[in-house]
Amino acid sequence: MSALPDLDSLKLLVDVGELGSLGRAARAAGIAQPSASKRIVQLERGLGVPLIERTPRGSTLTSEGKMVAGWAAQVLAAAEELMRAVQAVRHREAVHLRVVSSMTVAEYLVPRWLGELQNREPEVQVGLDVINSADVAARVLAGEVELGFVEGPGLPDGLAGRVVGTDRLVVVVAPGHPWARRRTVLRAPELAATPLVVREPGSGTRETLDVAFRGLHRAGPRLELGSNSAVKGAAQAGVAPAVLSGYAVESDVATGRLVEVPLAGVNLVRNLRAVWRRGRPLTGPAATLLSIASRP
């Protein structure tokens, strides 16, 4: 292929598939049918595959044409997104506030806070990056973002913070796991000595668990996974017990996809915090978001 196809030709191909004929697609594009036919022929030559089957009843997409039209639709959608972004920059409507958050806070709390921020200050556009707590702290310390949200037992060095909620880690297993039917309460030493499905190092969930197990004989993890959904999926599949946020497993426990195992002898309650660089008080939308998140 000597050159990339132009967007107008790709749009014409997509319209042929959607409208059912080359003539209708030409009218939608505001061009004559011979011109539309010429564009399709050039597109076929450039791509090296037949795209349209011409019959006495009209033009239909070949099997190759259907595949190319599907990919072309994705290219056109990306091009539209590009133009929207450029227009936003041109009119100075680019993101005013960028926030980073650990996964649990981002999934279960941040959307509500951002919704209220938009109601209060609709002109503000917010970008949210979801990463683990250690990476949140690093990006805030580096000055890449004004405000972050973390989960874990302590406040990272160099940051100021405010508690915006609490969360309790829970032990969950698949319904067929022996612990789902146990009659005795699970104790911390037994849990620590069991290979578990856990989040990756650097996540607030993992840090809380590591602190809670300090001083206990500990087995290595059965699996280390990078998201709450992946950990839940492994637990549901019966790979091993998992320790996760109560927020993350609430619906799964309620519907019976997972079973919570009562635990005693260890504190797995943790604070959820907003964090920012020490000595740099928040202003503008970041301060507004902090006040929203801090409300009881």
C-alpha atoms as a PDB file:
ATOM      1  CA  MET A   1       0.000   0.000   0.000  1.00  0.00           C
ATOM      2  CA  SER A   2       1.669   3.166  -1.225  1.00  0.00           C
ATOM      3  CA  ALA A   3      -0.383   5.682   0.722  1.00  0.00           C
ATOM      4  CA  LEU A   4      -2.902   5.794   3.523  1.00  0.00           C
ATOM      5  CA  PRO A   5      -6.550   6.006   2.399  1.00  0.00           C
ATOM      6  CA  ASP A   6      -8.227   9.381   2.815  1.00  0.00           C
ATOM      7  CA  LEU A   7     -11.019   9.782   5.353  1.00  0.00           C
ATOM      8  CA  ASP A   8     -13.628  10.791   2.756  1.00  0.00           C
ATOM      9  CA  SER A   9     -13.162   7.527   0.887  1.00  0.00           C
ATOM     10  CA  LEU A  10     -13.398   5.538   4.126  1.00  0.00           C
ATOM     11  CA  LYS A  11     -16.598   7.383   5.025  1.00  0.00           C
ATOM     12  CA  LEU A  12     -18.010   6.603   1.581  1.00  0.00           C
ATOM     13  CA  LEU A  13     -17.274   2.903   2.070  1.00  0.00           C
ATOM     14  CA  VAL A  14     -18.941   2.882   5.511  1.00  0.00           C
ATOM     15  CA  ASP A  15     -22.001   4.634   4.042  1.00  0.00           C
ATOM     16  CA  VAL A  16     -22.290   2.053   1.270  1.00  0.00           C
ATOM     17  CA  GLY A  17     -22.574  -0.632   3.929  1.00  0.00           C
ATOM     18  CA  GLU A  18     -25.038   1.330   6.058  1.00  0.00           C
ATOM     19  CA  LEU A  19     -27.204   2.782   3.262  1.00  0.00           C
ATOM     20  CA  GLY A  20     -27.189  -0.264   1.012  1.00  0.00           C
ATOM     21  CA  SER A  21     -25.992   1.237  -2.261  1.00  0.00           C
ATOM     22  CA  LEU A  22     -23.252   3.334  -3.802  1.00  0.00           C
ATOM     23  CA  GLY A  23     -25.826   5.795  -5.167  1.00  0.00           C
ATOM     24  CA  ARG A  24     -27.259   6.518  -1.714  1.00  0.00           C
ATOM     25  CA  ALA A  25     -23.766   6.845  -0.274  1.00  0.00           C
ATOM     26  CA  ALA A  26     -22.838   9.305  -3.049  1.00  0.00           C
ATOM     27  CA  ARG A  27     -25.904  11.427  -2.320  1.00  0.00           C
ATOM     28  CA  ALA A  28     -25.090  11.429   1.397  1.00  0.00           C
ATOM     29  CA  ALA A  29     -21.580  12.662   0.539  1.00  0.00           C
ATOM     30  CA  GLY A  30     -22.934  15.322  -1.840  1.00  0.00           C
ATOM     31  CA  ILE A  31     -21.071  13.987  -4.872  1.00  0.00           C
ATOM     32  CA  ALA A  32     -22.044  12.412  -8.182  1.00  0.00           C
ATOM     33  CA  GLN A  33     -22.208   8.628  -8.367  1.00  0.00           C
ATOM     34  CA  PRO A  34     -19.383   8.379 -10.981  1.00  0.00           C
ATOM     35  CA  SER A  35     -17.132  10.334  -8.610  1.00  0.00           C
ATOM     36  CA  ALA A  36     -18.074   8.044  -5.752  1.00  0.00           C
ATOM     37  CA  SER A  37     -17.392   4.979  -7.889  1.00  0.00           C
ATOM     38  CA  LYS A  38     -13.987   6.370  -8.836  1.00  0.00           C
ATOM     39  CA  ARG A  39     -13.086   6.896  -5.166  1.00  0.00           C
ATOM     40  CA  ILE A  40     -14.034   3.323  -4.303  1.00  0.00           C
ATOM     41  CA  VAL A  41     -11.968   1.976  -7.201  1.00  0.00           C
ATOM     42  CA  GLN A  42      -8.972   3.994  -6.009  1.00  0.00           C
ATOM     43  CA  LEU A  43      -9.526   2.731  -2.466  1.00  0.00           C
ATOM     44  CA  GLU A  44      -9.638  -0.865  -3.704  1.00  0.00           C
ATOM     45  CA  ARG A  45      -6.411  -0.373  -5.654  1.00  0.00           C
ATOM     46  CA  GLY A  46      -4.682   1.218  -2.695  1.00  0.00           C
ATOM     47  CA  LEU A  47      -5.727  -1.499  -0.264  1.00  0.00           C
ATOM     48  CA  GLY A  48      -5.359  -4.351  -2.721  1.00  0.00           C
ATOM     49  CA  VAL A  49      -8.678  -6.029  -1.876  1.00  0.00           C
ATOM     50  CA  PRO A  50     -12.135  -5.962  -3.526  1.00  0.00           C
ATOM     51  CA  LEU A  51     -14.497  -3.866  -1.444  1.00  0.00           C
ATOM     52  CA  ILE A  52     -17.743  -3.616  -3.409  1.00  0.00           C
ATOM     53  CA  GLU A  53     -19.608  -6.175  -5.482  1.00  0.00           C
ATOM     54  CA  ARG A  54     -21.470  -4.476  -8.310  1.00  0.00           C
ATOM     55  CA  THR A  55     -24.690  -6.203  -9.445  1.00  0.00           C
ATOM     56  CA  PRO A  56     -27.694  -5.143 -11.567  1.00  0.00           C
ATOM     57  CA  ARG A  57     -29.558  -4.583  -8.314  1.00  0.00           C
ATOM     58  CA  GLY A  58     -26.937  -2.247  -6.890  1.00  0.00           C
ATOM     59  CA  SER A  59     -23.675  -2.342  -4.944  1.00  0.00           C
ATOM     60  CA  THR A  60     -23.030  -4.366  -1.802  1.00  0.00           C
ATOM     61  CA  LEU A  61     -19.920  -4.829   0.318  1.00  0.00           C
ATOM     62  CA  THR A  62     -17.808  -7.899  -0.249  1.00  0.00           C
ATOM     63  CA  SER A  63     -16.735  -9.925   2.778  1.00  0.00           C
ATOM     64  CA  GLU A  64     -13.441  -8.036   2.680  1.00  0.00           C
ATOM     65  CA  GLY A  65     -15.340  -4.784   2.297  1.00  0.00           C
ATOM     66  CA  LYS A  66     -17.373  -5.502   5.418  1.00  0.00           C
ATOM     67  CA  MET A  67     -14.206  -6.051   7.433  1.00  0.00           C
ATOM     68  CA  VAL A  68     -12.548  -2.914   6.053  1.00  0.00           C
ATOM     69  CA  ALA A  69     -15.721  -0.891   6.688  1.00  0.00           C
ATOM     70  CA  GLY A  70     -15.714  -2.006  10.323  1.00  0.00           C
ATOM     71  CA  TRP A  71     -12.121  -0.888  10.754  1.00  0.00           C
ATOM     72  CA  ALA A  72     -12.822   2.313   8.829  1.00  0.00           C
ATOM     73  CA  ALA A  73     -15.631   3.182  11.248  1.00  0.00           C
ATOM     74  CA  GLN A  74     -13.139   2.990  14.114  1.00  0.00           C
ATOM     75  CA  VAL A  75     -10.691   5.241  12.222  1.00  0.00           C
ATOM     76  CA  LEU A  76     -13.437   7.795  11.550  1.00  0.00           C
ATOM     77  CA  ALA A  77     -14.497   7.787  15.207  1.00  0.00           C
ATOM     78  CA  ALA A  78     -10.886   8.380  16.263  1.00  0.00           C
ATOM     79  CA  ALA A  79     -10.593  11.227  13.760  1.00  0.00           C
ATOM     80  CA  GLU A  80     -13.731  12.848  15.154  1.00  0.00           C
ATOM     81  CA  GLU A  81     -12.314  12.558  18.668  1.00  0.00           C
ATOM     82  CA  LEU A  82      -9.103  14.187  17.458  1.00  0.00           C
ATOM     83  CA  MET A  83     -11.007  17.144  16.014  1.00  0.00           C
ATOM     84  CA  ARG A  84     -13.040  17.560  19.198  1.00  0.00           C
ATOM     85  CA  ALA A  85      -9.845  17.628  21.249  1.00  0.00           C
ATOM     86  CA  VAL A  86      -8.213  20.149  18.914  1.00  0.00           C
ATOM     87  CA  GLN A  87     -11.308  22.333  19.030  1.00  0.00           C
ATOM     88  CA  ALA A  88     -11.224  22.221  22.825  1.00  0.00           C
ATOM     89  CA  VAL A  89      -7.605  23.395  22.822  1.00  0.00           C
ATOM     90  CA  ARG A  90      -8.427  26.119  20.290  1.00  0.00           C
ATOM     91  CA  HIS A  91     -11.180  27.477  22.524  1.00  0.00           C
ATOM     92  CA  ARG A  92      -9.099  27.099  25.669  1.00  0.00           C
ATOM     93  CA  GLU A  93     -11.378  24.362  26.992  1.00  0.00           C
ATOM     94  CA  ALA A  94      -8.621  21.897  27.777  1.00  0.00           C
ATOM     95  CA  VAL A  95      -8.582  19.982  31.067  1.00  0.00           C
ATOM     96  CA  HIS A  96      -8.376  22.376  33.999  1.00  0.00           C
ATOM     97  CA  LEU A  97      -7.893  19.737  36.686  1.00  0.00           C
ATOM     98  CA  ARG A  98      -6.118  16.389  36.529  1.00  0.00           C
ATOM     99  CA  VAL A  99      -6.614  13.942  39.356  1.00  0.00           C
ATOM    100  CA  VAL A 100      -4.959  10.593  40.082  1.00  0.00           C
ATOM    101  CA  SER A 101      -6.564   7.968  42.256  1.00  0.00           C
ATOM    102  CA  SER A 102      -5.984   4.485  43.541  1.00  0.00           C
ATOM    103  CA  MET A 103      -8.287   1.882  42.082  1.00  0.00           C
ATOM    104  CA  THR A 104     -10.775   1.347  44.905  1.00  0.00           C
ATOM    105  CA  VAL A 105     -11.356   5.051  45.514  1.00  0.00           C
ATOM    106  CA  ALA A 106     -11.599   5.688  41.768  1.00  0.00           C
ATOM    107  CA  GLU A 107     -14.129   2.930  41.178  1.00  0.00           C
ATOM    108  CA  TYR A 108     -16.477   3.501  44.100  1.00  0.00           C
ATOM    109  CA  LEU A 109     -16.148   7.094  45.358  1.00  0.00           C
ATOM    110  CA  VAL A 110     -14.515   9.452  42.850  1.00  0.00           C
ATOM    111  CA  PRO A 111     -17.328   9.315  40.228  1.00  0.00           C
ATOM    112  CA  ARG A 112     -19.838  10.737  42.723  1.00  0.00           C
ATOM    113  CA  TRP A 113     -17.412  13.482  43.774  1.00  0.00           C
ATOM    114  CA  LEU A 114     -16.663  14.441  40.188  1.00  0.00           C
ATOM    115  CA  GLY A 115     -20.370  14.533  39.391  1.00  0.00           C
ATOM    116  CA  GLU A 116     -20.944  17.059  42.155  1.00  0.00           C
ATOM    117  CA  LEU A 117     -17.927  19.099  41.017  1.00  0.00           C
ATOM    118  CA  GLN A 118     -19.429  19.261  37.519  1.00  0.00           C
ATOM    119  CA  ASN A 119     -22.753  20.425  38.975  1.00  0.00           C
ATOM    120  CA  ARG A 120     -21.017  23.191  40.919  1.00  0.00           C
ATOM    121  CA  GLU A 121     -18.509  24.215  38.246  1.00  0.00           C
ATOM    122  CA  PRO A 122     -19.727  22.931  34.864  1.00  0.00           C
ATOM    123  CA  GLU A 123     -16.986  24.767  32.969  1.00  0.00           C
ATOM    124  CA  VAL A 124     -14.291  22.647  34.626  1.00  0.00           C
ATOM    125  CA  GLN A 125     -13.090  19.597  32.712  1.00  0.00           C
ATOM    126  CA  VAL A 126     -11.441  16.895  34.778  1.00  0.00           C
ATOM    127  CA  GLY A 127      -8.995  14.192  33.736  1.00  0.00           C
ATOM    128  CA  LEU A 128      -8.755  11.117  35.984  1.00  0.00           C
ATOM    129  CA  ASP A 129      -5.915   8.578  35.917  1.00  0.00           C
ATOM    130  CA  VAL A 130      -6.378   5.327  37.866  1.00  0.00           C
ATOM    131  CA  ILE A 131      -3.128   3.851  39.220  1.00  0.00           C
ATOM    132  CA  ASN A 132      -1.987   2.224  42.458  1.00  0.00           C
ATOM    133  CA  SER A 133      -1.402   4.225  45.649  1.00  0.00           C
ATOM    134  CA  ALA A 134       2.394   4.261  45.390  1.00  0.00           C
ATOM    135  CA  ASP A 135       2.224   5.715  41.884  1.00  0.00           C
ATOM    136  CA  VAL A 136      -0.374   8.284  43.002  1.00  0.00           C
ATOM    137  CA  ALA A 137       2.025   9.520  45.684  1.00  0.00           C
ATOM    138  CA  ALA A 138       4.924   9.669  43.205  1.00  0.00           C
ATOM    139  CA  ARG A 139       2.987  11.722  40.664  1.00  0.00           C
ATOM    140  CA  VAL A 140       1.678  14.172  43.246  1.00  0.00           C
ATOM    141  CA  LEU A 141       5.173  14.588  44.735  1.00  0.00           C
ATOM    142  CA  ALA A 142       6.580  15.199  41.249  1.00  0.00           C
ATOM    143  CA  GLY A 143       4.090  18.019  40.721  1.00  0.00           C
ATOM    144  CA  GLU A 144       2.453  16.297  37.740  1.00  0.00           C
ATOM    145  CA  VAL A 145      -0.994  16.620  39.334  1.00  0.00           C
ATOM    146  CA  GLU A 146      -2.457  18.768  42.101  1.00  0.00           C
ATOM    147  CA  LEU A 147      -4.614  16.216  43.875  1.00  0.00           C
ATOM    148  CA  GLY A 148      -4.589  12.471  44.394  1.00  0.00           C
ATOM    149  CA  PHE A 149      -6.503   9.846  46.347  1.00  0.00           C
ATOM    150  CA  VAL A 150      -4.822   6.902  48.058  1.00  0.00           C
ATOM    151  CA  GLU A 151      -5.722   3.978  50.266  1.00  0.00           C
ATOM    152  CA  GLY A 152      -3.414   2.527  52.866  1.00  0.00           C
ATOM    153  CA  PRO A 153      -2.329   2.599  56.495  1.00  0.00           C
ATOM    154  CA  GLY A 154      -0.314   5.830  56.410  1.00  0.00           C
ATOM    155  CA  LEU A 155       0.305   9.168  54.741  1.00  0.00           C
ATOM    156  CA  PRO A 156       3.137   9.036  52.170  1.00  0.00           C
ATOM    157  CA  ASP A 157       6.205  11.151  52.989  1.00  0.00           C
ATOM    158  CA  GLY A 158       6.247  14.667  51.597  1.00  0.00           C
ATOM    159  CA  LEU A 159       2.498  14.885  51.188  1.00  0.00           C
ATOM    160  CA  ALA A 160      -0.256  16.626  53.101  1.00  0.00           C
ATOM    161  CA  GLY A 161      -3.496  14.738  53.376  1.00  0.00           C
ATOM    162  CA  ARG A 162      -7.037  14.551  54.635  1.00  0.00           C
ATOM    163  CA  VAL A 163      -9.086  11.464  55.427  1.00  0.00           C
ATOM    164  CA  VAL A 164     -12.088  11.284  53.079  1.00  0.00           C
ATOM    165  CA  GLY A 165     -13.438   7.885  54.087  1.00  0.00           C
ATOM    166  CA  THR A 166     -12.684   4.459  55.494  1.00  0.00           C
ATOM    167  CA  ASP A 167     -12.719   0.996  54.028  1.00  0.00           C
ATOM    168  CA  ARG A 168     -12.489  -2.514  55.447  1.00  0.00           C
ATOM    169  CA  LEU A 169     -10.636  -5.305  53.737  1.00  0.00           C
ATOM    170  CA  VAL A 170     -12.488  -8.619  53.761  1.00  0.00           C
ATOM    171  CA  VAL A 171     -11.552 -12.230  53.089  1.00  0.00           C
ATOM    172  CA  VAL A 172     -13.605 -13.824  50.320  1.00  0.00           C
ATOM    173  CA  VAL A 173     -13.692 -17.273  48.757  1.00  0.00           C
ATOM    174  CA  ALA A 174     -15.629 -19.088  46.062  1.00  0.00           C
ATOM    175  CA  PRO A 175     -18.858 -20.766  47.269  1.00  0.00           C
ATOM    176  CA  GLY A 176     -17.247 -24.184  46.779  1.00  0.00           C
ATOM    177  CA  HIS A 177     -14.154 -23.387  48.874  1.00  0.00           C
ATOM    178  CA  PRO A 178     -13.895 -25.213  52.262  1.00  0.00           C
ATOM    179  CA  TRP A 179     -13.710 -21.863  54.092  1.00  0.00           C
ATOM    180  CA  ALA A 180     -17.189 -20.995  52.787  1.00  0.00           C
ATOM    181  CA  ARG A 181     -18.606 -23.679  55.119  1.00  0.00           C
ATOM    182  CA  ARG A 182     -16.258 -23.344  58.083  1.00  0.00           C
ATOM    183  CA  ARG A 183     -17.866 -23.074  61.523  1.00  0.00           C
ATOM    184  CA  THR A 184     -14.976 -21.348  63.273  1.00  0.00           C
ATOM    185  CA  VAL A 185     -13.780 -17.793  62.873  1.00  0.00           C
ATOM    186  CA  LEU A 186     -10.665 -17.389  60.736  1.00  0.00           C
ATOM    187  CA  ARG A 187      -7.674 -16.129  62.727  1.00  0.00           C
ATOM    188  CA  ALA A 188      -4.881 -13.900  61.500  1.00  0.00           C
ATOM    189  CA  PRO A 189      -2.057 -16.513  61.755  1.00  0.00           C
ATOM    190  CA  GLU A 190      -3.996 -18.995  59.604  1.00  0.00           C
ATOM    191  CA  LEU A 191      -4.814 -16.327  57.038  1.00  0.00           C
ATOM    192  CA  ALA A 192      -1.192 -15.145  56.923  1.00  0.00           C
ATOM    193  CA  ALA A 193       0.068 -18.717  56.415  1.00  0.00           C
ATOM    194  CA  THR A 194      -2.319 -19.298  53.481  1.00  0.00           C
ATOM    195  CA  PRO A 195      -1.272 -18.514  49.888  1.00  0.00           C
ATOM    196  CA  LEU A 196      -3.715 -15.837  48.754  1.00  0.00           C
ATOM    197  CA  VAL A 197      -4.756 -14.019  45.621  1.00  0.00           C
ATOM    198  CA  VAL A 198      -3.638 -10.436  46.308  1.00  0.00           C
ATOM    199  CA  ARG A 199      -3.140  -7.084  44.642  1.00  0.00           C
ATOM    200  CA  GLU A 200       0.279  -6.066  43.366  1.00  0.00           C
ATOM    201  CA  PRO A 201       2.965  -4.423  45.557  1.00  0.00           C
ATOM    202  CA  GLY A 202       2.395  -0.669  45.672  1.00  0.00           C
ATOM    203  CA  SER A 203      -1.386  -0.911  45.903  1.00  0.00           C
ATOM    204  CA  GLY A 204      -3.039   0.379  49.067  1.00  0.00           C
ATOM    205  CA  THR A 205      -4.799  -2.951  49.547  1.00  0.00           C
ATOM    206  CA  ARG A 206      -1.493  -4.835  49.485  1.00  0.00           C
ATOM    207  CA  GLU A 207       0.205  -2.328  51.799  1.00  0.00           C
ATOM    208  CA  THR A 208      -2.606  -2.620  54.367  1.00  0.00           C
ATOM    209  CA  LEU A 209      -2.361  -6.399  54.274  1.00  0.00           C
ATOM    210  CA  ASP A 210       1.432  -6.350  54.601  1.00  0.00           C
ATOM    211  CA  VAL A 211       1.240  -4.109  57.655  1.00  0.00           C
ATOM    212  CA  ALA A 212      -1.464  -6.276  59.247  1.00  0.00           C
ATOM    213  CA  PHE A 213       0.616  -9.448  58.774  1.00  0.00           C
ATOM    214  CA  ARG A 214       3.842  -7.929  60.099  1.00  0.00           C
ATOM    215  CA  GLY A 215       5.446 -10.295  62.621  1.00  0.00           C
ATOM    216  CA  LEU A 216       3.401 -13.318  61.507  1.00  0.00           C
ATOM    217  CA  HIS A 217       4.683 -16.340  59.608  1.00  0.00           C
ATOM    218  CA  ARG A 218       3.571 -15.625  56.074  1.00  0.00           C
ATOM    219  CA  ALA A 219       3.123 -17.692  52.950  1.00  0.00           C
ATOM    220  CA  GLY A 220       3.950 -16.261  49.560  1.00  0.00           C
ATOM    221  CA  PRO A 221       1.008 -15.177  47.406  1.00  0.00           C
ATOM    222  CA  ARG A 222      -0.695 -17.666  45.125  1.00  0.00           C
ATOM    223  CA  LEU A 223      -1.260 -14.878  42.593  1.00  0.00           C
ATOM    224  CA  GLU A 224      -0.441 -11.152  42.409  1.00  0.00           C
ATOM    225  CA  LEU A 225      -2.854  -9.297  40.135  1.00  0.00           C
ATOM    226  CA  GLY A 226      -3.123  -5.664  39.094  1.00  0.00           C
ATOM    227  CA  SER A 227      -6.823  -4.948  39.528  1.00  0.00           C
ATOM    228  CA  ASN A 228      -9.733  -5.629  41.876  1.00  0.00           C
ATOM    229  CA  SER A 229     -11.645  -7.297  39.034  1.00  0.00           C
ATOM    230  CA  ALA A 230      -8.802  -9.710  38.309  1.00  0.00           C
ATOM    231  CA  VAL A 231      -8.461 -10.650  41.991  1.00  0.00           C
ATOM    232  CA  LYS A 232     -12.223 -11.217  42.257  1.00  0.00           C
ATOM    233  CA  GLY A 233     -12.226 -13.339  39.123  1.00  0.00           C
ATOM    234  CA  ALA A 234      -9.461 -15.566  40.464  1.00  0.00           C
ATOM    235  CA  ALA A 235     -11.256 -15.970  43.795  1.00  0.00           C
ATOM    236  CA  GLN A 236     -14.535 -16.809  42.043  1.00  0.00           C
ATOM    237  CA  ALA A 237     -12.695 -19.419  39.984  1.00  0.00           C
ATOM    238  CA  GLY A 238     -11.531 -21.104  43.204  1.00  0.00           C
ATOM    239  CA  VAL A 239      -7.829 -20.341  42.726  1.00  0.00           C
ATOM    240  CA  ALA A 240      -7.386 -19.304  46.385  1.00  0.00           C
ATOM    241  CA  PRO A 241      -8.927 -17.020  49.019  1.00  0.00           C
ATOM    242  CA  ALA A 242      -8.588 -13.303  48.321  1.00  0.00           C
ATOM    243  CA  VAL A 243      -8.397 -10.173  50.453  1.00  0.00           C
ATOM    244  CA  LEU A 244     -10.109  -7.161  48.912  1.00  0.00           C
ATOM    245  CA  SER A 245     -11.908  -3.929  49.691  1.00  0.00           C
ATOM    246  CA  GLY A 246     -15.401  -4.308  51.074  1.00  0.00           C
ATOM    247  CA  TYR A 247     -16.516  -1.851  48.397  1.00  0.00           C
ATOM    248  CA  ALA A 248     -15.132  -4.096  45.667  1.00  0.00           C
ATOM    249  CA  VAL A 249     -16.865  -7.307  46.757  1.00  0.00           C
ATOM    250  CA  GLU A 250     -20.122  -5.987  48.194  1.00  0.00           C
ATOM    251  CA  SER A 251     -22.304  -6.923  45.211  1.00  0.00           C
ATOM    252  CA  ASP A 252     -20.522 -10.264  44.692  1.00  0.00           C
ATOM    253  CA  VAL A 253     -21.143 -11.297  48.300  1.00  0.00           C
ATOM    254  CA  ALA A 254     -24.772 -10.138  48.094  1.00  0.00           C
ATOM    255  CA  THR A 255     -25.415 -12.259  44.986  1.00  0.00           C
ATOM    256  CA  GLY A 256     -23.523 -15.306  46.252  1.00  0.00           C
ATOM    257  CA  ARG A 257     -20.700 -15.207  43.704  1.00  0.00           C
ATOM    258  CA  LEU A 258     -18.308 -14.889  46.647  1.00  0.00           C
ATOM    259  CA  VAL A 259     -18.582 -15.757  50.336  1.00  0.00           C
ATOM    260  CA  GLU A 260     -17.124 -13.510  53.019  1.00  0.00           C
ATOM    261  CA  VAL A 261     -15.157 -15.406  55.678  1.00  0.00           C
ATOM    262  CA  PRO A 262     -15.394 -13.904  59.212  1.00  0.00           C
ATOM    263  CA  LEU A 263     -11.946 -12.854  60.442  1.00  0.00           C
ATOM    264  CA  ALA A 264     -10.694 -12.090  63.954  1.00  0.00           C
ATOM    265  CA  GLY A 265      -7.439 -10.941  65.496  1.00  0.00           C
ATOM    266  CA  VAL A 266      -6.349  -8.454  62.840  1.00  0.00           C
ATOM    267  CA  ASN A 267      -7.419  -4.928  61.958  1.00  0.00           C
ATOM    268  CA  LEU A 268      -8.019  -4.511  58.240  1.00  0.00           C
ATOM    269  CA  VAL A 269      -9.777  -1.143  58.421  1.00  0.00           C
ATOM    270  CA  ARG A 270      -7.924   1.561  56.503  1.00  0.00           C
ATOM    271  CA  ASN A 271      -8.273   5.248  55.799  1.00  0.00           C
ATOM    272  CA  LEU A 272      -8.886   6.631  52.340  1.00  0.00           C
ATOM    273  CA  ARG A 273      -7.065   9.935  51.873  1.00  0.00           C
ATOM    274  CA  ALA A 274      -6.867  12.900  49.574  1.00  0.00           C
ATOM    275  CA  VAL A 275      -3.213  13.924  49.171  1.00  0.00           C
ATOM    276  CA  TRP A 276      -1.368  16.949  47.793  1.00  0.00           C
ATOM    277  CA  ARG A 277       2.157  18.355  48.018  1.00  0.00           C
ATOM    278  CA  ARG A 278       3.046  19.571  51.483  1.00  0.00           C
ATOM    279  CA  GLY A 279       3.389  23.362  51.646  1.00  0.00           C
ATOM    280  CA  ARG A 280       1.263  23.922  48.534  1.00  0.00           C
ATOM    281  CA  PRO A 281      -2.354  24.516  49.601  1.00  0.00           C
ATOM    282  CA  LEU A 282      -4.946  23.553  47.036  1.00  0.00           C
ATOM    283  CA  THR A 283      -6.805  26.272  45.133  1.00  0.00           C
ATOM    284  CA  GLY A 284      -9.498  26.462  42.465  1.00  0.00           C
ATOM    285  CA  PRO A 285     -11.238  23.274  41.292  1.00  0.00           C
ATOM    286  CA  ALA A 286      -8.838  21.064  43.263  1.00  0.00           C
ATOM    287  CA  ALA A 287      -9.866  22.785  46.507  1.00  0.00           C
ATOM    288  CA  THR A 288     -13.525  22.437  45.570  1.00  0.00           C
ATOM    289  CA  LEU A 289     -13.105  18.724  44.883  1.00  0.00           C
ATOM    290  CA  LEU A 290     -11.332  18.260  48.203  1.00  0.00           C
ATOM    291  CA  SER A 291     -14.189  19.940  50.070  1.00  0.00           C
ATOM    292  CA  ILE A 292     -16.712  17.696  48.298  1.00  0.00           C
ATOM    293  CA  ALA A 293     -14.735  14.536  49.099  1.00  0.00           C
ATOM    294  CA  SER A 294     -14.258  15.576  52.747  1.00  0.00           C
ATOM    295  CA  ARG A 295     -17.949  15.896  53.546  1.00  0.00           C
ATOM    296  CA  PRO A 296     -19.354  13.206  55.846  1.00  0.00           C
END
